[in-house]
Structure formats: C-alpha cells, structure tokens
Amino acid sequence: MMPGEPVTAIRNGPGPDGDGQPSAEDLFLTRRAVTPAEVRDEMRRQMGEDVPRPLRPPDHPDTSELRGRLGL
C-alpha cells in the first residue's frame, strides 16, 4: 500500500469480512431457517392477501384410541 492510499478491506476468501470465517450473526443464529413456502406466505400477507395460517399442532397427543382399548 502506498502512502495516502485509502485503506480498504482485502477479500481473502468467503465470509462477509473476507477472512474466510462465518459472520457472528451466522454463528449465533437462534431462529430456525424458514422454508420457501413460509417466505412466500409472509410476502403475500404483507401485500394484503388473505393467506391462511398453518394449523397449530395439538397441545397433547390424541389418546382416544388408547382409552377405547382400555375401556375408559
């Protein structure tokens, strides 16, 4: 580097900082990755379309068959 030349980042490899290491955001990501369908539905919601929300799983397992077998 010559005197008076601006200091710039030198890219040595993959990674946002050019140091070949993943970013801190990628290392400490706590959210699960979203699926393409979830991205599509969220974009449609933001554009004002009526998109049904996915069904929520039950809070407890279905035990009706087991109760029937036990005669309860």
N, C-alpha and C. Protein backbone atom coordinates (compact mmCIF):
# COMPACT_ATOMS: atom_id res chain seq x y z
N MET A 1 0.85 -1.17 0.00
CA MET A 1 0.00 0.00 0.00
C MET A 1 0.89 1.23 0.00
N MET A 2 0.51 2.19 -0.79
CA MET A 2 1.29 3.41 -0.94
C MET A 2 0.80 4.46 0.06
N PRO A 3 1.66 5.35 0.51
CA PRO A 3 1.21 6.42 1.41
C PRO A 3 0.13 7.27 0.74
N GLY A 4 -0.91 7.60 1.52
CA GLY A 4 -2.01 8.40 1.00
C GLY A 4 -3.10 7.58 0.34
N GLU A 5 -2.84 6.30 0.14
CA GLU A 5 -3.84 5.43 -0.49
C GLU A 5 -4.88 5.04 0.57
N PRO A 6 -6.18 5.08 0.22
CA PRO A 6 -7.21 4.73 1.21
C PRO A 6 -7.11 3.27 1.64
N VAL A 7 -7.42 3.04 2.90
CA VAL A 7 -7.39 1.68 3.43
C VAL A 7 -8.71 1.01 3.07
N THR A 8 -8.63 -0.14 2.45
CA THR A 8 -9.83 -0.90 2.06
C THR A 8 -9.69 -2.32 2.56
N ALA A 9 -10.81 -2.99 2.69
CA ALA A 9 -10.80 -4.39 3.10
C ALA A 9 -10.30 -5.26 1.95
N ILE A 10 -9.47 -6.19 2.26
CA ILE A 10 -8.96 -7.12 1.25
C ILE A 10 -9.71 -8.43 1.43
N ARG A 11 -10.29 -8.89 0.36
CA ARG A 11 -11.08 -10.13 0.43
C ARG A 11 -10.17 -11.32 0.17
N ASN A 12 -10.01 -12.14 1.19
CA ASN A 12 -9.16 -13.32 1.06
C ASN A 12 -9.93 -14.59 0.79
N GLY A 13 -11.22 -14.56 1.02
CA GLY A 13 -12.00 -15.77 0.81
C GLY A 13 -13.44 -15.54 1.19
N PRO A 14 -14.19 -16.62 1.31
CA PRO A 14 -15.61 -16.47 1.65
C PRO A 14 -15.79 -15.91 3.05
N GLY A 15 -16.94 -15.33 3.27
CA GLY A 15 -17.24 -14.71 4.55
C GLY A 15 -17.45 -13.23 4.35
N PRO A 16 -18.28 -12.61 5.17
CA PRO A 16 -18.60 -11.21 4.97
C PRO A 16 -17.41 -10.27 5.19
N ASP A 17 -16.45 -10.67 6.01
CA ASP A 17 -15.31 -9.81 6.28
C ASP A 17 -14.11 -10.14 5.41
N GLY A 18 -14.24 -11.17 4.60
CA GLY A 18 -13.14 -11.57 3.74
C GLY A 18 -12.07 -12.36 4.45
N ASP A 19 -12.34 -12.76 5.69
CA ASP A 19 -11.32 -13.51 6.42
C ASP A 19 -11.55 -15.02 6.34
N GLY A 20 -12.54 -15.43 5.58
CA GLY A 20 -12.81 -16.85 5.42
C GLY A 20 -13.63 -17.44 6.55
N GLN A 21 -14.02 -16.64 7.52
CA GLN A 21 -14.80 -17.12 8.66
C GLN A 21 -16.25 -16.67 8.53
N PRO A 22 -17.21 -17.47 9.05
CA PRO A 22 -18.61 -17.03 9.00
C PRO A 22 -18.81 -15.82 9.90
N SER A 23 -19.86 -15.06 9.62
CA SER A 23 -20.13 -13.87 10.42
C SER A 23 -20.65 -14.28 11.79
N ALA A 24 -20.56 -13.37 12.75
CA ALA A 24 -21.06 -13.63 14.10
C ALA A 24 -22.56 -13.88 14.08
N GLU A 25 -23.28 -13.20 13.20
CA GLU A 25 -24.72 -13.40 13.09
C GLU A 25 -25.04 -14.85 12.69
N ASP A 26 -24.24 -15.41 11.77
CA ASP A 26 -24.46 -16.78 11.35
C ASP A 26 -24.11 -17.78 12.46
N LEU A 27 -23.08 -17.47 13.24
CA LEU A 27 -22.67 -18.38 14.30
C LEU A 27 -23.67 -18.44 15.44
N PHE A 28 -24.32 -17.32 15.74
CA PHE A 28 -25.20 -17.25 16.89
C PHE A 28 -26.67 -17.13 16.50
N LEU A 29 -27.02 -17.62 15.34
CA LEU A 29 -28.40 -17.59 14.86
C LEU A 29 -29.23 -18.54 15.71
N THR A 30 -30.27 -18.02 16.37
CA THR A 30 -31.09 -18.85 17.25
C THR A 30 -32.43 -19.21 16.61
N ARG A 31 -32.80 -18.54 15.55
CA ARG A 31 -34.07 -18.86 14.89
C ARG A 31 -33.86 -20.01 13.93
N ARG A 32 -34.92 -20.77 13.71
CA ARG A 32 -34.82 -21.84 12.73
C ARG A 32 -34.88 -21.23 11.33
N ALA A 33 -34.36 -21.94 10.38
CA ALA A 33 -34.40 -21.47 9.00
C ALA A 33 -35.83 -21.59 8.48
N VAL A 34 -36.24 -20.61 7.71
CA VAL A 34 -37.60 -20.62 7.17
C VAL A 34 -37.60 -21.36 5.83
N THR A 35 -38.75 -21.93 5.50
CA THR A 35 -38.89 -22.64 4.24
C THR A 35 -39.32 -21.65 3.16
N PRO A 36 -39.11 -21.98 1.89
CA PRO A 36 -39.56 -21.10 0.82
C PRO A 36 -41.06 -20.83 0.88
N ALA A 37 -41.85 -21.81 1.30
CA ALA A 37 -43.30 -21.61 1.40
C ALA A 37 -43.63 -20.58 2.48
N GLU A 38 -42.90 -20.59 3.58
CA GLU A 38 -43.13 -19.61 4.65
C GLU A 38 -42.78 -18.20 4.17
N VAL A 39 -41.71 -18.08 3.41
CA VAL A 39 -41.32 -16.78 2.85
C VAL A 39 -42.40 -16.28 1.90
N ARG A 40 -42.88 -17.17 1.02
CA ARG A 40 -43.93 -16.81 0.08
C ARG A 40 -45.20 -16.34 0.80
N ASP A 41 -45.63 -17.11 1.81
CA ASP A 41 -46.84 -16.75 2.53
C ASP A 41 -46.69 -15.42 3.27
N GLU A 42 -45.53 -15.17 3.86
CA GLU A 42 -45.32 -13.91 4.58
C GLU A 42 -45.32 -12.73 3.60
N MET A 43 -44.73 -12.91 2.43
CA MET A 43 -44.75 -11.83 1.43
C MET A 43 -46.18 -11.56 0.97
N ARG A 44 -46.96 -12.61 0.77
CA ARG A 44 -48.36 -12.42 0.35
C ARG A 44 -49.16 -11.72 1.45
N ARG A 45 -48.91 -12.07 2.73
CA ARG A 45 -49.59 -11.39 3.84
C ARG A 45 -49.25 -9.90 3.86
N GLN A 46 -47.98 -9.57 3.65
CA GLN A 46 -47.55 -8.17 3.67
C GLN A 46 -48.12 -7.38 2.51
N MET A 47 -48.46 -8.07 1.42
CA MET A 47 -49.07 -7.39 0.27
C MET A 47 -50.58 -7.29 0.42
N GLY A 48 -51.12 -7.81 1.53
CA GLY A 48 -52.53 -7.65 1.81
C GLY A 48 -53.41 -8.82 1.42
N GLU A 49 -52.82 -9.89 0.93
CA GLU A 49 -53.62 -11.06 0.57
C GLU A 49 -53.99 -11.84 1.82
N ASP A 50 -55.12 -12.52 1.74
CA ASP A 50 -55.58 -13.34 2.86
C ASP A 50 -54.98 -14.73 2.72
N VAL A 51 -53.98 -15.01 3.53
CA VAL A 51 -53.29 -16.30 3.49
C VAL A 51 -53.60 -17.03 4.78
N PRO A 52 -54.18 -18.24 4.70
CA PRO A 52 -54.49 -18.97 5.93
C PRO A 52 -53.21 -19.36 6.67
N ARG A 53 -53.26 -19.24 7.97
CA ARG A 53 -52.13 -19.63 8.81
C ARG A 53 -52.09 -21.16 8.89
N PRO A 54 -50.88 -21.75 9.04
CA PRO A 54 -50.81 -23.20 9.18
C PRO A 54 -51.47 -23.65 10.48
N LEU A 55 -52.00 -24.87 10.47
CA LEU A 55 -52.64 -25.39 11.66
C LEU A 55 -51.62 -25.60 12.76
N ARG A 56 -52.04 -25.25 13.97
CA ARG A 56 -51.17 -25.42 15.13
C ARG A 56 -51.28 -26.87 15.59
N PRO A 57 -50.16 -27.50 15.93
CA PRO A 57 -50.25 -28.87 16.41
C PRO A 57 -50.95 -28.91 17.77
N PRO A 58 -51.60 -30.03 18.10
CA PRO A 58 -52.31 -30.10 19.38
C PRO A 58 -51.34 -29.99 20.56
N ASP A 59 -51.86 -29.49 21.68
CA ASP A 59 -51.05 -29.33 22.88
C ASP A 59 -50.72 -30.67 23.53
N HIS A 60 -51.53 -31.68 23.28
CA HIS A 60 -51.30 -33.00 23.87
C HIS A 60 -51.61 -34.07 22.82
N PRO A 61 -51.03 -35.24 22.96
CA PRO A 61 -51.27 -36.29 21.97
C PRO A 61 -52.70 -36.82 22.06
N ASP A 62 -53.18 -37.34 20.94
CA ASP A 62 -54.52 -37.92 20.90
C ASP A 62 -54.48 -39.30 21.56
N THR A 63 -55.21 -39.45 22.64
CA THR A 63 -55.22 -40.71 23.39
C THR A 63 -56.56 -41.42 23.29
N SER A 64 -57.43 -41.01 22.37
CA SER A 64 -58.77 -41.60 22.29
C SER A 64 -58.71 -43.09 21.95
N GLU A 65 -57.82 -43.51 21.07
CA GLU A 65 -57.72 -44.93 20.73
C GLU A 65 -57.26 -45.73 21.94
N LEU A 66 -56.29 -45.24 22.67
CA LEU A 66 -55.81 -45.93 23.86
C LEU A 66 -56.91 -46.03 24.93
N ARG A 67 -57.66 -44.97 25.11
CA ARG A 67 -58.76 -45.01 26.08
C ARG A 67 -59.81 -46.02 25.65
N GLY A 68 -60.09 -46.13 24.38
CA GLY A 68 -61.06 -47.10 23.89
C GLY A 68 -60.60 -48.52 24.14
N ARG A 69 -59.32 -48.79 23.90
CA ARG A 69 -58.78 -50.13 24.13
C ARG A 69 -58.83 -50.51 25.62
N LEU A 70 -58.62 -49.53 26.47
CA LEU A 70 -58.63 -49.79 27.91
C LEU A 70 -60.04 -49.80 28.49
N GLY A 71 -61.02 -49.42 27.68
CA GLY A 71 -62.41 -49.41 28.13
C GLY A 71 -62.73 -48.25 29.04
N LEU A 72 -62.03 -47.15 28.86
CA LEU A 72 -62.27 -45.95 29.69
C LEU A 72 -63.23 -45.01 29.03
